[in-house]
N, C-alpha and C. Protein backbone atom coordinates (compact mmCIF):
# COMPACT_ATOMS: atom_id res chain seq x y z
N UNK A 1 6.26 -1.68 -9.94
CA UNK A 1 5.19 -0.68 -9.92
C UNK A 1 4.56 -0.58 -8.53
N UNK A 2 4.29 -1.72 -7.92
CA UNK A 2 3.68 -1.74 -6.59
C UNK A 2 4.56 -1.03 -5.57
N UNK A 3 5.89 -1.24 -5.66
CA UNK A 3 6.81 -0.60 -4.74
C UNK A 3 6.78 0.92 -4.90
N UNK A 4 6.65 1.38 -6.13
CA UNK A 4 6.58 2.82 -6.38
C UNK A 4 5.32 3.41 -5.77
N UNK A 5 4.20 2.72 -5.92
CA UNK A 5 2.94 3.20 -5.35
C UNK A 5 3.04 3.27 -3.82
N UNK A 6 3.59 2.23 -3.21
CA UNK A 6 3.78 2.23 -1.75
C UNK A 6 4.70 3.38 -1.34
N UNK A 7 5.76 3.61 -2.10
CA UNK A 7 6.68 4.71 -1.81
C UNK A 7 6.00 6.06 -1.90
N UNK A 8 5.16 6.24 -2.91
CA UNK A 8 4.45 7.50 -3.08
C UNK A 8 3.47 7.72 -1.93
N UNK A 9 2.72 6.69 -1.58
CA UNK A 9 1.75 6.81 -0.48
C UNK A 9 2.48 7.12 0.83
N UNK A 10 3.56 6.40 1.11
CA UNK A 10 4.33 6.64 2.33
C UNK A 10 4.89 8.06 2.34
N UNK A 11 5.39 8.50 1.21
CA UNK A 11 5.95 9.85 1.11
C UNK A 11 4.91 10.93 1.31
N UNK A 12 3.75 10.74 0.72
CA UNK A 12 2.67 11.72 0.87
C UNK A 12 2.23 11.82 2.33
N UNK A 13 2.02 10.68 2.96
CA UNK A 13 1.57 10.68 4.36
C UNK A 13 2.63 11.29 5.28
N UNK A 14 3.88 10.93 5.08
CA UNK A 14 4.95 11.46 5.92
C UNK A 14 5.11 12.96 5.72
N UNK A 15 5.13 13.38 4.48
CA UNK A 15 5.31 14.80 4.18
C UNK A 15 4.13 15.63 4.64
N UNK A 16 2.94 15.09 4.52
CA UNK A 16 1.74 15.83 4.90
C UNK A 16 1.54 15.89 6.42
N UNK A 17 2.35 15.16 7.16
CA UNK A 17 2.16 15.13 8.62
C UNK A 17 2.34 16.51 9.26
N UNK A 18 3.12 17.39 8.65
CA UNK A 18 3.33 18.72 9.19
C UNK A 18 2.31 19.74 8.69
N UNK A 19 1.48 19.34 7.75
CA UNK A 19 0.49 20.25 7.17
C UNK A 19 -0.48 20.80 8.21
N UNK A 20 -1.04 19.97 9.11
CA UNK A 20 -1.93 20.54 10.14
C UNK A 20 -1.23 21.58 11.02
N UNK A 21 0.04 21.35 11.35
CA UNK A 21 0.80 22.32 12.15
C UNK A 21 0.97 23.62 11.38
N UNK A 22 1.29 23.52 10.10
CA UNK A 22 1.49 24.70 9.26
C UNK A 22 0.19 25.51 9.16
N UNK A 23 -0.92 24.84 8.96
CA UNK A 23 -2.23 25.50 8.87
C UNK A 23 -2.55 26.19 10.20
N UNK A 24 -2.29 25.51 11.30
CA UNK A 24 -2.56 26.08 12.62
C UNK A 24 -1.72 27.35 12.85
N UNK A 25 -0.45 27.29 12.47
CA UNK A 25 0.43 28.45 12.64
C UNK A 25 -0.07 29.61 11.79
N UNK A 26 -0.46 29.34 10.55
CA UNK A 26 -0.95 30.40 9.68
C UNK A 26 -2.24 31.02 10.20
N UNK A 27 -3.13 30.20 10.74
CA UNK A 27 -4.41 30.71 11.25
C UNK A 27 -4.24 31.51 12.53
N UNK A 28 -3.48 30.97 13.47
CA UNK A 28 -3.36 31.60 14.78
C UNK A 28 -2.17 32.56 14.89
N UNK A 29 -1.25 32.47 13.94
CA UNK A 29 -0.02 33.28 13.97
C UNK A 29 0.70 33.13 15.31
N UNK A 30 0.67 31.91 15.83
CA UNK A 30 1.29 31.59 17.11
C UNK A 30 2.34 30.51 16.89
N UNK A 31 3.59 30.85 17.16
CA UNK A 31 4.69 29.90 16.96
C UNK A 31 5.41 29.58 18.26
N UNK A 32 4.77 29.90 19.37
CA UNK A 32 5.39 29.71 20.67
C UNK A 32 5.85 28.26 20.90
N UNK A 33 5.10 27.29 20.39
CA UNK A 33 5.42 25.89 20.63
C UNK A 33 6.27 25.26 19.54
N UNK A 34 6.76 26.06 18.59
CA UNK A 34 7.64 25.53 17.56
C UNK A 34 9.09 25.65 17.99
N UNK A 35 9.86 24.64 17.67
CA UNK A 35 11.30 24.67 17.94
C UNK A 35 12.03 24.94 16.64
N UNK A 36 12.67 26.11 16.52
CA UNK A 36 13.39 26.40 15.28
C UNK A 36 14.56 25.43 15.04
N UNK A 37 15.21 24.98 16.11
CA UNK A 37 16.30 24.02 15.95
C UNK A 37 15.79 22.71 15.37
N UNK A 38 14.64 22.24 15.86
CA UNK A 38 14.06 21.02 15.32
C UNK A 38 13.75 21.18 13.84
N UNK A 39 13.23 22.35 13.46
CA UNK A 39 12.90 22.58 12.06
C UNK A 39 14.15 22.61 11.19
N UNK A 40 15.22 23.22 11.68
CA UNK A 40 16.48 23.26 10.92
C UNK A 40 17.03 21.85 10.72
N UNK A 41 17.01 21.05 11.78
CA UNK A 41 17.49 19.67 11.68
C UNK A 41 16.62 18.88 10.71
N UNK A 42 15.31 19.03 10.82
CA UNK A 42 14.38 18.32 9.93
C UNK A 42 14.57 18.74 8.48
N UNK A 43 14.67 20.03 8.23
CA UNK A 43 14.88 20.53 6.87
C UNK A 43 16.19 19.99 6.30
N UNK A 44 17.23 19.98 7.11
CA UNK A 44 18.52 19.44 6.66
C UNK A 44 18.39 17.97 6.27
N UNK A 45 17.71 17.22 7.10
CA UNK A 45 17.52 15.79 6.83
C UNK A 45 16.72 15.53 5.57
N UNK A 46 15.60 16.21 5.41
CA UNK A 46 14.78 15.96 4.22
C UNK A 46 15.42 16.53 2.96
N UNK A 47 16.25 17.58 3.12
CA UNK A 47 16.99 18.08 1.96
C UNK A 47 18.01 17.04 1.50
N UNK A 48 18.67 16.40 2.46
CA UNK A 48 19.60 15.32 2.09
C UNK A 48 18.87 14.13 1.47
N UNK A 49 17.69 13.80 1.99
CA UNK A 49 16.89 12.73 1.38
C UNK A 49 16.51 13.10 -0.05
N UNK A 50 16.18 14.36 -0.27
CA UNK A 50 15.85 14.82 -1.62
C UNK A 50 17.04 14.64 -2.54
N UNK A 51 18.20 15.04 -2.08
CA UNK A 51 19.43 14.89 -2.88
C UNK A 51 19.71 13.41 -3.15
N UNK A 52 19.53 12.59 -2.14
CA UNK A 52 19.70 11.14 -2.29
C UNK A 52 18.75 10.61 -3.36
N UNK A 53 17.51 11.07 -3.31
CA UNK A 53 16.53 10.65 -4.31
C UNK A 53 16.94 11.06 -5.72
N UNK A 54 17.54 12.24 -5.83
CA UNK A 54 18.03 12.70 -7.14
C UNK A 54 19.16 11.79 -7.61
N UNK A 55 20.09 11.49 -6.71
CA UNK A 55 21.21 10.61 -7.06
C UNK A 55 20.73 9.23 -7.50
N UNK A 56 19.71 8.72 -6.82
CA UNK A 56 19.17 7.38 -7.12
C UNK A 56 18.10 7.41 -8.21
N UNK A 57 17.71 8.62 -8.62
CA UNK A 57 16.65 8.81 -9.61
C UNK A 57 15.34 8.13 -9.17
N UNK A 58 14.98 8.37 -7.92
CA UNK A 58 13.76 7.81 -7.33
C UNK A 58 12.75 8.92 -7.12
N UNK A 59 11.78 9.00 -8.01
CA UNK A 59 10.79 10.08 -7.98
C UNK A 59 10.02 10.16 -6.66
N UNK A 60 9.57 9.05 -6.07
CA UNK A 60 8.84 9.17 -4.80
C UNK A 60 9.67 9.84 -3.70
N UNK A 61 10.96 9.52 -3.65
CA UNK A 61 11.84 10.13 -2.64
C UNK A 61 12.02 11.61 -2.93
N UNK A 62 12.22 11.94 -4.19
CA UNK A 62 12.43 13.34 -4.57
C UNK A 62 11.20 14.18 -4.26
N UNK A 63 10.04 13.72 -4.70
CA UNK A 63 8.82 14.52 -4.55
C UNK A 63 8.40 14.67 -3.09
N UNK A 64 8.38 13.57 -2.35
CA UNK A 64 7.90 13.65 -0.97
C UNK A 64 8.84 14.48 -0.10
N UNK A 65 10.13 14.27 -0.24
CA UNK A 65 11.07 15.03 0.59
C UNK A 65 11.22 16.46 0.10
N UNK A 66 11.11 16.68 -1.20
CA UNK A 66 11.13 18.05 -1.72
C UNK A 66 9.95 18.85 -1.18
N UNK A 67 8.77 18.22 -1.16
CA UNK A 67 7.59 18.87 -0.58
C UNK A 67 7.82 19.16 0.90
N UNK A 68 8.42 18.21 1.59
CA UNK A 68 8.69 18.38 3.02
C UNK A 68 9.66 19.53 3.27
N UNK A 69 10.67 19.68 2.41
CA UNK A 69 11.60 20.81 2.53
C UNK A 69 10.82 22.12 2.42
N UNK A 70 9.95 22.21 1.43
CA UNK A 70 9.18 23.45 1.24
C UNK A 70 8.26 23.73 2.43
N UNK A 71 7.52 22.71 2.86
CA UNK A 71 6.58 22.88 3.96
C UNK A 71 7.28 23.29 5.25
N UNK A 72 8.35 22.60 5.58
CA UNK A 72 9.05 22.89 6.83
C UNK A 72 9.83 24.20 6.75
N UNK A 73 10.30 24.56 5.56
CA UNK A 73 10.92 25.87 5.38
C UNK A 73 9.89 26.97 5.60
N UNK A 74 8.67 26.74 5.12
CA UNK A 74 7.58 27.68 5.36
C UNK A 74 7.30 27.85 6.84
N UNK A 75 7.33 26.74 7.58
CA UNK A 75 7.12 26.81 9.03
C UNK A 75 8.25 27.60 9.70
N UNK A 76 9.48 27.38 9.26
CA UNK A 76 10.61 28.10 9.84
C UNK A 76 10.50 29.60 9.55
N UNK A 77 10.10 29.95 8.35
CA UNK A 77 9.89 31.36 8.02
C UNK A 77 8.79 31.95 8.91
N UNK A 78 7.70 31.22 9.07
CA UNK A 78 6.61 31.68 9.95
C UNK A 78 7.12 31.88 11.37
N UNK A 79 8.00 31.00 11.82
CA UNK A 79 8.53 31.15 13.17
C UNK A 79 9.18 32.53 13.35
N UNK A 80 10.02 32.91 12.40
CA UNK A 80 10.72 34.19 12.53
C UNK A 80 9.79 35.38 12.29
N UNK A 81 8.86 35.25 11.37
CA UNK A 81 7.93 36.35 11.09
C UNK A 81 6.99 36.58 12.28
N UNK A 82 6.36 35.53 12.77
CA UNK A 82 5.37 35.67 13.83
C UNK A 82 6.00 35.83 15.20
N UNK A 83 7.21 35.34 15.39
CA UNK A 83 7.89 35.51 16.67
C UNK A 83 8.19 37.00 16.89
N UNK A 84 8.66 37.68 15.87
CA UNK A 84 8.95 39.11 15.98
C UNK A 84 7.69 39.89 16.25
N UNK A 85 6.60 39.52 15.58
CA UNK A 85 5.33 40.21 15.78
C UNK A 85 4.86 40.05 17.22
N UNK A 86 4.97 38.85 17.75
CA UNK A 86 4.55 38.58 19.12
C UNK A 86 5.37 39.34 20.14
N UNK A 87 6.68 39.46 19.92
CA UNK A 87 7.54 40.18 20.87
C UNK A 87 7.30 41.67 20.84
N UNK A 88 6.93 42.22 19.68
CA UNK A 88 6.72 43.66 19.60
C UNK A 88 5.38 44.07 20.24
N UNK A 89 4.48 43.13 20.41
CA UNK A 89 3.18 43.43 21.02
C UNK A 89 3.25 43.47 22.53
N UNK A 90 4.29 42.87 23.12
CA UNK A 90 4.36 42.79 24.59
C UNK A 90 4.81 44.07 25.21
């Protein structure tokens, strides 16, 4: 039980680390400092961790990495949406 709690806490903290960046991007609609390649690599990695968690039937791994896939996918979508907007204004 203790290991599960530690896993959940670690997963929440790790997954939530991109939340401030996501909020900043949504507020300012500025993605100039985001690297789409980094996001693709990160999404691929956390998607594989999610799949690994499914294979191992480990809920902390599934939930934390699944959330991370969603959050980072949202950032990648914002990159393409706001990047186009910024280029059309110039």
